[in-house]
Amino acid sequence: MQPSRLAAVLGFLGAFIGSFLPWVTVGVFSVAGTDGDGGITLALALVGGLVIGLSRSPAASIVAGLIALAVVGVASYDAVNISNKANAANTIVQLHASIGAGLVLVLVSSIMASFASFAHAGAQGKSRPIQEFACSECSFTVRSDARYCPNCGVEFSPPQVRRYRRVE
């Protein structure tokens, strides 16, 4: 698996796991992400992970990147919303509310998944080894690891030296 694809899959996995963890903590109490918008991030992370993990096309990597950005949007909205409500509640009652580890994990992981998905889309098709080429003598299609043309018998030299000689 390519490093960018692996990073994207791990990012979506982190967002998936973070959706179950606490998103807000008030004193000794915490609220899991699945009690609110964590269900949305859970579903999006699952779909995004499947898209980037199972598909081979650059378009699928772009779709996965857009899904990851949607998760970033939901997590960012909730982080700002929790911070605002925590500040408002702190002025009324002396309770300390904070963003939970699950929301932080979803936010960081989905940012990683978006960058990795877009990087994977850009890297696809750029570094593929040559699988076949045409023989310069007879234009027969030959596998890249062949030493001789199966059609005309010409011997292929290493790519650094472009000399051909006929084998008889």
Protein backbone atom coordinates (compact mmCIF):
# COMPACT_ATOMS: atom_id res chain seq x y z
CA MET A 1 0.00 0.00 0.00
CA GLN A 2 1.34 3.42 -0.92
CA PRO A 3 2.31 5.65 2.03
CA SER A 4 -0.23 8.36 1.16
CA ARG A 5 -3.06 5.83 0.93
CA LEU A 6 -1.99 4.23 4.22
CA ALA A 7 -1.89 7.65 5.91
CA ALA A 8 -5.39 8.43 4.62
CA VAL A 9 -6.79 5.09 5.81
CA LEU A 10 -5.18 5.60 9.24
CA GLY A 11 -6.61 9.13 9.36
CA PHE A 12 -10.11 7.86 8.66
CA LEU A 13 -9.60 5.10 11.25
CA GLY A 14 -8.60 7.70 13.84
CA ALA A 15 -11.69 9.78 13.04
CA PHE A 16 -13.84 6.65 13.29
CA ILE A 17 -12.43 5.73 16.72
CA GLY A 18 -12.56 9.34 17.94
CA SER A 19 -16.28 9.46 17.18
CA PHE A 20 -16.88 7.00 20.05
CA LEU A 21 -14.65 8.78 22.57
CA PRO A 22 -15.58 11.78 24.78
CA TRP A 23 -16.16 15.02 22.86
CA VAL A 24 -16.82 17.21 25.87
CA THR A 25 -15.83 16.85 29.50
CA VAL A 26 -17.48 18.73 32.36
CA GLY A 27 -15.84 17.97 35.68
CA VAL A 28 -15.90 14.19 36.03
CA PHE A 29 -18.63 13.74 33.42
CA SER A 30 -18.09 13.33 29.72
CA VAL A 31 -20.27 13.07 26.64
CA ALA A 32 -19.32 10.71 23.82
CA GLY A 33 -19.30 11.90 20.26
CA THR A 34 -21.98 9.40 19.27
CA ASP A 35 -24.41 11.25 21.54
CA GLY A 36 -24.35 14.13 19.06
CA ASP A 37 -22.61 14.89 15.78
CA GLY A 38 -20.22 12.00 16.31
CA GLY A 39 -22.69 9.83 14.42
CA ILE A 40 -22.14 12.00 11.36
CA THR A 41 -18.35 11.84 11.65
CA LEU A 42 -18.56 8.11 12.31
CA ALA A 43 -20.51 7.47 9.10
CA LEU A 44 -18.35 9.83 7.03
CA ALA A 45 -15.12 8.30 8.35
CA LEU A 46 -16.38 4.81 7.53
CA VAL A 47 -17.37 5.78 3.99
CA GLY A 48 -14.16 7.77 3.42
CA GLY A 49 -11.99 4.92 4.67
CA LEU A 50 -13.74 2.45 2.38
CA VAL A 51 -13.47 4.77 -0.61
CA ILE A 52 -9.74 5.41 -0.24
CA GLY A 53 -8.98 1.85 0.85
CA LEU A 54 -10.84 -0.03 -1.86
CA SER A 55 -10.75 2.20 -4.92
CA ARG A 56 -7.75 2.71 -7.18
CA SER A 57 -8.80 5.79 -9.14
CA PRO A 58 -7.60 9.36 -8.55
CA ALA A 59 -11.23 10.52 -8.56
CA ALA A 60 -11.98 8.25 -5.59
CA SER A 61 -9.03 9.75 -3.71
CA ILE A 62 -10.43 13.22 -4.34
CA VAL A 63 -13.86 12.11 -3.12
CA ALA A 64 -12.20 10.68 0.01
CA GLY A 65 -10.40 14.00 0.52
CA LEU A 66 -13.71 15.88 0.27
CA ILE A 67 -15.31 13.47 2.74
CA ALA A 68 -12.40 14.10 5.13
CA LEU A 69 -12.93 17.86 4.75
CA ALA A 70 -16.59 17.36 5.67
CA VAL A 71 -15.46 15.56 8.85
CA VAL A 72 -13.07 18.46 9.56
CA GLY A 73 -16.00 20.85 9.16
CA VAL A 74 -18.27 18.96 11.56
CA ALA A 75 -15.50 18.55 14.15
CA SER A 76 -14.46 22.21 13.87
CA TYR A 77 -18.06 23.39 14.26
CA ASP A 78 -18.47 21.26 17.38
CA ALA A 79 -15.14 22.36 18.85
CA VAL A 80 -16.05 26.03 18.45
CA ASN A 81 -19.58 25.41 19.71
CA ILE A 82 -18.31 23.56 22.81
CA SER A 83 -15.76 26.30 23.53
CA ASN A 84 -18.38 29.03 23.25
CA LYS A 85 -20.88 27.21 25.46
CA ALA A 86 -18.17 26.33 27.97
CA ASN A 87 -17.14 29.98 28.25
CA ALA A 88 -20.75 31.09 28.64
CA ALA A 89 -21.46 28.43 31.27
CA ASN A 90 -18.27 29.24 33.15
CA THR A 91 -19.43 32.82 33.71
CA ILE A 92 -22.76 31.62 35.18
CA VAL A 93 -21.67 28.53 37.09
CA GLN A 94 -18.15 27.64 38.12
CA LEU A 95 -17.95 24.44 36.05
CA HIS A 96 -15.00 23.80 33.83
CA ALA A 97 -16.02 22.29 30.49
CA SER A 98 -13.43 21.31 27.94
CA ILE A 99 -13.12 19.66 24.57
CA GLY A 100 -12.69 15.92 24.95
CA ALA A 101 -9.96 13.69 23.55
CA GLY A 102 -12.35 12.13 21.04
CA LEU A 103 -13.11 15.43 19.34
CA VAL A 104 -9.41 16.30 19.21
CA LEU A 105 -8.67 12.88 17.69
CA VAL A 106 -11.43 13.30 15.08
CA LEU A 107 -10.18 16.76 14.16
CA VAL A 108 -6.49 15.83 13.86
CA SER A 109 -7.16 12.51 12.12
CA SER A 110 -9.56 13.97 9.58
CA ILE A 111 -7.07 16.74 8.72
CA MET A 112 -4.46 14.02 8.16
CA ALA A 113 -6.90 12.00 6.05
CA SER A 114 -7.74 15.00 3.86
CA PHE A 115 -4.10 15.89 3.17
CA ALA A 116 -3.16 12.26 2.55
CA SER A 117 -6.16 11.64 0.26
CA PHE A 118 -5.38 14.65 -1.90
CA ALA A 119 -1.68 13.73 -1.93
CA HIS A 120 -2.61 10.21 -3.02
CA ALA A 121 -4.78 11.57 -5.82
CA GLY A 122 -1.87 13.67 -7.07
CA ALA A 123 0.63 10.82 -6.83
CA GLN A 124 -1.39 8.29 -8.78
CA GLY A 125 -0.13 7.62 -12.24
CA LYS A 126 3.15 9.49 -11.83
CA SER A 127 5.52 6.74 -10.82
CA ARG A 128 4.28 3.58 -12.46
CA PRO A 129 6.95 1.35 -13.89
CA ILE A 130 6.79 0.57 -17.57
CA GLN A 131 4.96 -2.72 -18.04
CA GLU A 132 5.35 -3.08 -21.80
CA PHE A 133 7.13 -1.42 -24.69
CA ALA A 134 7.34 -1.78 -28.44
CA CYS A 135 10.33 -3.50 -30.02
CA SER A 136 12.30 -1.01 -32.10
CA GLU A 137 12.87 -3.59 -34.84
CA CYS A 138 9.41 -5.02 -35.44
CA SER A 139 7.07 -2.94 -33.16
CA PHE A 140 5.95 -6.09 -31.38
CA THR A 141 4.65 -5.42 -27.82
CA VAL A 142 7.14 -6.85 -25.34
CA ARG A 143 7.06 -7.13 -21.53
CA SER A 144 9.46 -4.78 -19.76
CA ASP A 145 11.48 -7.60 -18.20
CA ALA A 146 12.16 -9.38 -21.53
CA ARG A 147 15.76 -9.67 -22.71
CA TYR A 148 14.84 -10.66 -26.27
CA CYS A 149 11.96 -9.87 -28.59
CA PRO A 150 9.86 -13.03 -28.92
CA ASN A 151 8.86 -12.00 -32.45
CA CYS A 152 12.12 -11.00 -34.20
CA GLY A 153 14.77 -12.13 -31.70
CA VAL A 154 16.53 -8.79 -31.17
CA GLU A 155 18.35 -8.58 -27.83
CA PHE A 156 17.50 -5.64 -25.57
CA SER A 157 20.24 -3.80 -23.71
CA PRO A 158 19.86 -2.18 -20.32
CA PRO A 159 18.07 1.21 -20.53
CA GLN A 160 21.30 3.16 -20.00
CA VAL A 161 22.70 1.90 -23.32
CA ARG A 162 20.45 1.92 -26.35
CA ARG A 163 22.18 -0.64 -28.54
CA TYR A 164 20.40 -3.55 -30.14
CA ARG A 165 21.87 -6.55 -31.84
CA ARG A 166 20.17 -9.40 -33.60
CA VAL A 167 20.55 -12.80 -31.96
CA GLU A 168 20.89 -15.68 -34.41
